[in-house]
């Protein structure tokens, strides 16, 4: 039977990489799928990972209707066995409910990937609805690490390396840390350093290298 599965974690835990791998695994076995994303780091209509891999994707906006889109494709003769949904935390609650209907009514597998909480440690509405409706919610096993080496469980927003808890919930920034004055960036922190507002820059710790891997992915 088809399932709605939600893969959740913090930044840097490999969600988008797993989304790409899931798409590859299913397509290589003769299944046909669609890939969706929203506000990916590589720009519109792209699903990308920090390892440098990327594929074309369908951009999801607030007025996007998954059920209508899929039904229109099926009515035109397309085959759809599964759907990959990256950055699912940014989807609306209604869109998550549409995904659940695709599973129940059309027997299409839906694999959603996203982060649970925002920079204030509050659940994103899309993630909350996925937890409520998913057949399975799986926390990714690759642990993101705080600059201190402890497990990172919070996504912090920074401006000039200083943590902030002000601003809109959804603001796209540099996930690798920006050196541009006034630029918004994001960093994963353990609970202790999140509560203390102690980022890597404030602690005087250099960021881990973001150099490409020494082999072709």
C-alpha atoms as a PDB file:
ATOM      1  CA  UNK A   1       0.000   0.000   0.000  1.00  0.00           C
ATOM      2  CA  UNK A   2       1.100   3.566  -0.658  1.00  0.00           C
ATOM      3  CA  UNK A   3       2.493   5.584   2.248  1.00  0.00           C
ATOM      4  CA  UNK A   4       3.084   9.167   3.310  1.00  0.00           C
ATOM      5  CA  UNK A   5       6.537   9.183   4.914  1.00  0.00           C
ATOM      6  CA  UNK A   6       8.130  12.226   6.562  1.00  0.00           C
ATOM      7  CA  UNK A   7      11.916  12.312   6.958  1.00  0.00           C
ATOM      8  CA  UNK A   8      12.817  15.008   9.457  1.00  0.00           C
ATOM      9  CA  UNK A   9      15.948  16.508  10.940  1.00  0.00           C
ATOM     10  CA  UNK A  10      17.946  19.683  11.428  1.00  0.00           C
ATOM     11  CA  UNK A  11      19.993  21.431   8.781  1.00  0.00           C
ATOM     12  CA  UNK A  12      23.184  19.571   7.794  1.00  0.00           C
ATOM     13  CA  UNK A  13      21.722  16.104   8.455  1.00  0.00           C
ATOM     14  CA  UNK A  14      21.440  15.087   4.789  1.00  0.00           C
ATOM     15  CA  UNK A  15      17.717  15.504   4.064  1.00  0.00           C
ATOM     16  CA  UNK A  16      18.120  16.721   0.492  1.00  0.00           C
ATOM     17  CA  UNK A  17      20.816  14.127  -0.193  1.00  0.00           C
ATOM     18  CA  UNK A  18      18.417  11.425   0.962  1.00  0.00           C
ATOM     19  CA  UNK A  19      15.656  12.923  -1.191  1.00  0.00           C
ATOM     20  CA  UNK A  20      17.922  12.690  -4.230  1.00  0.00           C
ATOM     21  CA  UNK A  21      18.930   9.132  -3.328  1.00  0.00           C
ATOM     22  CA  UNK A  22      15.295   8.099  -2.822  1.00  0.00           C
ATOM     23  CA  UNK A  23      14.368   9.461  -6.240  1.00  0.00           C
ATOM     24  CA  UNK A  24      17.310   7.621  -7.814  1.00  0.00           C
ATOM     25  CA  UNK A  25      16.471   4.331  -6.105  1.00  0.00           C
ATOM     26  CA  UNK A  26      12.849   4.339  -7.219  1.00  0.00           C
ATOM     27  CA  UNK A  27      13.475   5.580 -10.761  1.00  0.00           C
ATOM     28  CA  UNK A  28      16.242   3.019 -11.282  1.00  0.00           C
ATOM     29  CA  UNK A  29      13.694   0.279 -10.539  1.00  0.00           C
ATOM     30  CA  UNK A  30      11.379   1.466 -13.286  1.00  0.00           C
ATOM     31  CA  UNK A  31       9.099   3.646 -11.170  1.00  0.00           C
ATOM     32  CA  UNK A  32       8.052   7.070 -12.407  1.00  0.00           C
ATOM     33  CA  UNK A  33       7.951  10.009 -10.033  1.00  0.00           C
ATOM     34  CA  UNK A  34       7.745  13.762  -9.620  1.00  0.00           C
ATOM     35  CA  UNK A  35      10.139  15.948  -7.618  1.00  0.00           C
ATOM     36  CA  UNK A  36       8.940  19.050  -5.786  1.00  0.00           C
ATOM     37  CA  UNK A  37      10.732  21.619  -3.661  1.00  0.00           C
ATOM     38  CA  UNK A  38      10.376  25.119  -2.305  1.00  0.00           C
ATOM     39  CA  UNK A  39      12.999  27.804  -1.689  1.00  0.00           C
ATOM     40  CA  UNK A  40      15.938  25.503  -2.374  1.00  0.00           C
ATOM     41  CA  UNK A  41      19.432  26.930  -1.823  1.00  0.00           C
ATOM     42  CA  UNK A  42      20.172  26.491  -5.561  1.00  0.00           C
ATOM     43  CA  UNK A  43      17.250  28.683  -6.623  1.00  0.00           C
ATOM     44  CA  UNK A  44      13.806  28.037  -8.010  1.00  0.00           C
ATOM     45  CA  UNK A  45      12.850  24.693  -9.512  1.00  0.00           C
ATOM     46  CA  UNK A  46      15.970  22.874  -8.268  1.00  0.00           C
ATOM     47  CA  UNK A  47      16.472  20.222  -5.607  1.00  0.00           C
ATOM     48  CA  UNK A  48      20.081  20.343  -4.459  1.00  0.00           C
ATOM     49  CA  UNK A  49      22.276  18.929  -1.709  1.00  0.00           C
ATOM     50  CA  UNK A  50      25.369  20.322  -0.045  1.00  0.00           C
ATOM     51  CA  UNK A  51      27.371  17.562  -1.742  1.00  0.00           C
ATOM     52  CA  UNK A  52      26.881  19.393  -5.035  1.00  0.00           C
ATOM     53  CA  UNK A  53      24.213  17.125  -6.508  1.00  0.00           C
ATOM     54  CA  UNK A  54      21.063  18.639  -8.014  1.00  0.00           C
ATOM     55  CA  UNK A  55      18.071  17.746 -10.186  1.00  0.00           C
ATOM     56  CA  UNK A  56      15.267  19.795 -11.769  1.00  0.00           C
ATOM     57  CA  UNK A  57      12.182  20.093  -9.566  1.00  0.00           C
ATOM     58  CA  UNK A  58       8.728  21.643  -9.594  1.00  0.00           C
ATOM     59  CA  UNK A  59       8.590  24.777  -7.443  1.00  0.00           C
ATOM     60  CA  UNK A  60       5.817  24.804  -4.826  1.00  0.00           C
ATOM     61  CA  UNK A  61       4.169  28.127  -4.018  1.00  0.00           C
ATOM     62  CA  UNK A  62       1.391  28.947  -1.560  1.00  0.00           C
ATOM     63  CA  UNK A  63      -1.330  28.606  -4.200  1.00  0.00           C
ATOM     64  CA  UNK A  64       0.004  25.316  -5.616  1.00  0.00           C
ATOM     65  CA  UNK A  65      -2.518  22.449  -5.543  1.00  0.00           C
ATOM     66  CA  UNK A  66      -0.817  19.050  -5.478  1.00  0.00           C
ATOM     67  CA  UNK A  67      -3.983  17.078  -6.092  1.00  0.00           C
ATOM     68  CA  UNK A  68      -5.089  19.140  -9.082  1.00  0.00           C
ATOM     69  CA  UNK A  69      -1.592  19.056 -10.578  1.00  0.00           C
ATOM     70  CA  UNK A  70      -1.279  15.281 -10.236  1.00  0.00           C
ATOM     71  CA  UNK A  71      -4.815  14.551 -11.451  1.00  0.00           C
ATOM     72  CA  UNK A  72      -4.205  16.748 -14.519  1.00  0.00           C
ATOM     73  CA  UNK A  73      -1.003  14.813 -15.277  1.00  0.00           C
ATOM     74  CA  UNK A  74      -2.735  11.468 -14.849  1.00  0.00           C
ATOM     75  CA  UNK A  75      -5.668  12.566 -17.020  1.00  0.00           C
ATOM     76  CA  UNK A  76      -3.175  13.465 -19.756  1.00  0.00           C
ATOM     77  CA  UNK A  77      -1.857   9.901 -19.695  1.00  0.00           C
ATOM     78  CA  UNK A  78       1.153  10.310 -17.411  1.00  0.00           C
ATOM     79  CA  UNK A  79       2.214   7.634 -14.958  1.00  0.00           C
ATOM     80  CA  UNK A  80       3.058   8.675 -11.381  1.00  0.00           C
ATOM     81  CA  UNK A  81       4.172   6.059  -8.855  1.00  0.00           C
ATOM     82  CA  UNK A  82       5.760   8.303  -6.242  1.00  0.00           C
ATOM     83  CA  UNK A  83       6.381  11.922  -5.269  1.00  0.00           C
ATOM     84  CA  UNK A  84       9.479  13.475  -3.676  1.00  0.00           C
ATOM     85  CA  UNK A  85       8.765  16.612  -1.621  1.00  0.00           C
ATOM     86  CA  UNK A  86      11.833  18.480  -0.363  1.00  0.00           C
ATOM     87  CA  UNK A  87      11.783  21.520   1.950  1.00  0.00           C
ATOM     88  CA  UNK A  88       8.354  20.305   3.068  1.00  0.00           C
ATOM     89  CA  UNK A  89       8.441  22.483   6.189  1.00  0.00           C
ATOM     90  CA  UNK A  90       7.573  25.409   3.916  1.00  0.00           C
ATOM     91  CA  UNK A  91       4.399  23.762   2.528  1.00  0.00           C
ATOM     92  CA  UNK A  92       1.021  24.929   3.778  1.00  0.00           C
ATOM     93  CA  UNK A  93      -1.147  22.703   5.956  1.00  0.00           C
ATOM     94  CA  UNK A  94      -3.622  22.417   3.086  1.00  0.00           C
ATOM     95  CA  UNK A  95      -0.872  21.223   0.751  1.00  0.00           C
ATOM     96  CA  UNK A  96       0.143  18.524   3.236  1.00  0.00           C
ATOM     97  CA  UNK A  97      -3.472  17.381   3.362  1.00  0.00           C
ATOM     98  CA  UNK A  98      -3.491  17.242  -0.445  1.00  0.00           C
ATOM     99  CA  UNK A  99      -0.440  14.980  -0.321  1.00  0.00           C
ATOM    100  CA  UNK A 100      -2.228  12.664   2.110  1.00  0.00           C
ATOM    101  CA  UNK A 101      -5.173  12.464  -0.283  1.00  0.00           C
ATOM    102  CA  UNK A 102      -2.858  11.449  -3.131  1.00  0.00           C
ATOM    103  CA  UNK A 103      -1.694   8.532  -1.007  1.00  0.00           C
ATOM    104  CA  UNK A 104      -5.157   7.442   0.106  1.00  0.00           C
ATOM    105  CA  UNK A 105      -7.137   8.080  -3.071  1.00  0.00           C
ATOM    106  CA  UNK A 106      -4.596   7.463  -5.842  1.00  0.00           C
ATOM    107  CA  UNK A 107      -2.160   5.040  -4.148  1.00  0.00           C
ATOM    108  CA  UNK A 108       0.857   7.263  -4.869  1.00  0.00           C
ATOM    109  CA  UNK A 109       3.792   7.062  -2.463  1.00  0.00           C
ATOM    110  CA  UNK A 110       4.786  10.439  -1.012  1.00  0.00           C
ATOM    111  CA  UNK A 111       8.235  10.947   0.516  1.00  0.00           C
ATOM    112  CA  UNK A 112       8.528  14.303   2.284  1.00  0.00           C
ATOM    113  CA  UNK A 113      11.763  15.782   3.638  1.00  0.00           C
ATOM    114  CA  UNK A 114      12.091  18.789   5.917  1.00  0.00           C
ATOM    115  CA  UNK A 115      13.266  20.373   9.125  1.00  0.00           C
ATOM    116  CA  UNK A 116      11.011  20.304  12.157  1.00  0.00           C
ATOM    117  CA  UNK A 117      11.538  23.663  13.838  1.00  0.00           C
ATOM    118  CA  UNK A 118      12.374  27.222  12.868  1.00  0.00           C
ATOM    119  CA  UNK A 119      15.044  29.544  14.258  1.00  0.00           C
ATOM    120  CA  UNK A 120      12.845  30.198  17.322  1.00  0.00           C
ATOM    121  CA  UNK A 121      12.546  26.425  18.006  1.00  0.00           C
ATOM    122  CA  UNK A 122       8.853  26.476  16.999  1.00  0.00           C
ATOM    123  CA  UNK A 123       7.407  23.846  14.684  1.00  0.00           C
ATOM    124  CA  UNK A 124       6.869  24.849  11.076  1.00  0.00           C
ATOM    125  CA  UNK A 125       3.185  24.448  10.225  1.00  0.00           C
ATOM    126  CA  UNK A 126       3.978  22.135   7.313  1.00  0.00           C
ATOM    127  CA  UNK A 127       6.140  19.889   9.500  1.00  0.00           C
ATOM    128  CA  UNK A 128       3.547  19.802  12.248  1.00  0.00           C
ATOM    129  CA  UNK A 129       0.823  18.710   9.841  1.00  0.00           C
ATOM    130  CA  UNK A 130       3.109  16.063   8.356  1.00  0.00           C
ATOM    131  CA  UNK A 131       3.740  14.598  11.809  1.00  0.00           C
ATOM    132  CA  UNK A 132      -0.013  14.537  12.392  1.00  0.00           C
ATOM    133  CA  UNK A 133      -0.849  12.831   9.081  1.00  0.00           C
ATOM    134  CA  UNK A 134       2.175  10.758   8.050  1.00  0.00           C
ATOM    135  CA  UNK A 135       2.073   6.974   8.122  1.00  0.00           C
ATOM    136  CA  UNK A 136       5.654   7.150   9.354  1.00  0.00           C
ATOM    137  CA  UNK A 137       7.890   9.929  10.630  1.00  0.00           C
ATOM    138  CA  UNK A 138      11.586   9.089  10.588  1.00  0.00           C
ATOM    139  CA  UNK A 139      14.285  11.196  12.220  1.00  0.00           C
ATOM    140  CA  UNK A 140      17.389  11.035  10.069  1.00  0.00           C
ATOM    141  CA  UNK A 141      20.262   9.115  11.600  1.00  0.00           C
ATOM    142  CA  UNK A 142      23.071  11.392  10.370  1.00  0.00           C
ATOM    143  CA  UNK A 143      23.495  13.805  13.274  1.00  0.00           C
ATOM    144  CA  UNK A 144      24.346  17.424  12.590  1.00  0.00           C
ATOM    145  CA  UNK A 145      26.980  18.754  14.977  1.00  0.00           C
ATOM    146  CA  UNK A 146      27.231  22.022  16.841  1.00  0.00           C
ATOM    147  CA  UNK A 147      30.562  23.863  16.644  1.00  0.00           C
ATOM    148  CA  UNK A 148      31.397  22.337  20.050  1.00  0.00           C
ATOM    149  CA  UNK A 149      31.018  18.790  18.700  1.00  0.00           C
ATOM    150  CA  UNK A 150      27.775  17.998  20.514  1.00  0.00           C
ATOM    151  CA  UNK A 151      24.649  16.933  18.680  1.00  0.00           C
ATOM    152  CA  UNK A 152      22.953  19.952  17.105  1.00  0.00           C
ATOM    153  CA  UNK A 153      19.193  20.063  17.539  1.00  0.00           C
ATOM    154  CA  UNK A 154      18.395  23.730  16.835  1.00  0.00           C
ATOM    155  CA  UNK A 155      18.574  25.825  13.672  1.00  0.00           C
ATOM    156  CA  UNK A 156      19.865  29.278  14.598  1.00  0.00           C
ATOM    157  CA  UNK A 157      19.540  32.392  12.447  1.00  0.00           C
ATOM    158  CA  UNK A 158      22.496  34.771  12.565  1.00  0.00           C
ATOM    159  CA  UNK A 159      23.322  38.285  11.403  1.00  0.00           C
ATOM    160  CA  UNK A 160      27.047  39.001  11.225  1.00  0.00           C
ATOM    161  CA  UNK A 161      27.616  35.846  13.247  1.00  0.00           C
ATOM    162  CA  UNK A 162      25.309  36.958  16.072  1.00  0.00           C
ATOM    163  CA  UNK A 163      22.213  34.853  16.767  1.00  0.00           C
ATOM    164  CA  UNK A 164      18.841  36.537  16.404  1.00  0.00           C
ATOM    165  CA  UNK A 165      15.298  35.435  17.259  1.00  0.00           C
ATOM    166  CA  UNK A 166      13.614  38.286  15.404  1.00  0.00           C
ATOM    167  CA  UNK A 167      12.163  38.443  11.909  1.00  0.00           C
ATOM    168  CA  UNK A 168       9.828  36.485   9.662  1.00  0.00           C
ATOM    169  CA  UNK A 169       9.703  32.726  10.055  1.00  0.00           C
ATOM    170  CA  UNK A 170      10.777  32.062   6.466  1.00  0.00           C
ATOM    171  CA  UNK A 171      13.845  33.965   5.288  1.00  0.00           C
ATOM    172  CA  UNK A 172      16.299  32.368   2.877  1.00  0.00           C
ATOM    173  CA  UNK A 173      19.896  32.817   3.980  1.00  0.00           C
ATOM    174  CA  UNK A 174      23.380  31.390   3.627  1.00  0.00           C
ATOM    175  CA  UNK A 175      23.526  27.962   5.275  1.00  0.00           C
ATOM    176  CA  UNK A 176      27.325  27.871   5.126  1.00  0.00           C
ATOM    177  CA  UNK A 177      27.775  31.112   7.037  1.00  0.00           C
ATOM    178  CA  UNK A 178      28.133  34.479   5.324  1.00  0.00           C
ATOM    179  CA  UNK A 179      30.929  36.999   5.668  1.00  0.00           C
ATOM    180  CA  UNK A 180      28.926  39.805   4.050  1.00  0.00           C
ATOM    181  CA  UNK A 181      28.053  42.551   6.512  1.00  0.00           C
ATOM    182  CA  UNK A 182      24.414  42.399   7.586  1.00  0.00           C
ATOM    183  CA  UNK A 183      23.773  39.130   5.739  1.00  0.00           C
ATOM    184  CA  UNK A 184      21.418  36.557   7.214  1.00  0.00           C
ATOM    185  CA  UNK A 185      22.928  33.114   7.700  1.00  0.00           C
ATOM    186  CA  UNK A 186      22.019  29.900   9.511  1.00  0.00           C
ATOM    187  CA  UNK A 187      23.927  27.640  11.873  1.00  0.00           C
ATOM    188  CA  UNK A 188      23.044  24.478  13.765  1.00  0.00           C
ATOM    189  CA  UNK A 189      23.618  24.554  17.526  1.00  0.00           C
ATOM    190  CA  UNK A 190      23.230  22.249  20.502  1.00  0.00           C
ATOM    191  CA  UNK A 191      20.563  23.265  23.016  1.00  0.00           C
ATOM    192  CA  UNK A 192      23.072  24.662  25.508  1.00  0.00           C
ATOM    193  CA  UNK A 193      24.730  26.988  23.010  1.00  0.00           C
ATOM    194  CA  UNK A 194      21.410  27.907  21.397  1.00  0.00           C
ATOM    195  CA  UNK A 195      20.068  29.015  24.772  1.00  0.00           C
ATOM    196  CA  UNK A 196      23.268  30.958  25.403  1.00  0.00           C
ATOM    197  CA  UNK A 197      23.215  32.461  21.907  1.00  0.00           C
ATOM    198  CA  UNK A 198      26.807  31.307  21.494  1.00  0.00           C
ATOM    199  CA  UNK A 199      27.535  30.862  17.790  1.00  0.00           C
ATOM    200  CA  UNK A 200      30.816  29.652  16.304  1.00  0.00           C
ATOM    201  CA  UNK A 201      31.876  33.203  15.486  1.00  0.00           C
ATOM    202  CA  UNK A 202      31.142  34.461  18.978  1.00  0.00           C
ATOM    203  CA  UNK A 203      33.053  31.524  20.399  1.00  0.00           C
ATOM    204  CA  UNK A 204      36.013  32.283  18.149  1.00  0.00           C
ATOM    205  CA  UNK A 205      35.819  28.903  16.429  1.00  0.00           C
ATOM    206  CA  UNK A 206      36.482  28.533  12.727  1.00  0.00           C
ATOM    207  CA  UNK A 207      33.739  26.936  10.642  1.00  0.00           C
ATOM    208  CA  UNK A 208      34.397  23.448   9.341  1.00  0.00           C
ATOM    209  CA  UNK A 209      35.739  23.348   5.794  1.00  0.00           C
ATOM    210  CA  UNK A 210      33.129  23.506   3.034  1.00  0.00           C
ATOM    211  CA  UNK A 211      35.575  22.406   0.315  1.00  0.00           C
ATOM    212  CA  UNK A 212      34.248  19.953  -2.292  1.00  0.00           C
ATOM    213  CA  UNK A 213      34.770  16.279  -1.651  1.00  0.00           C
ATOM    214  CA  UNK A 214      38.025  14.922  -3.166  1.00  0.00           C
ATOM    215  CA  UNK A 215      36.186  12.633  -5.567  1.00  0.00           C
ATOM    216  CA  UNK A 216      33.404  12.796  -8.114  1.00  0.00           C
ATOM    217  CA  UNK A 217      29.989  12.226  -6.500  1.00  0.00           C
END
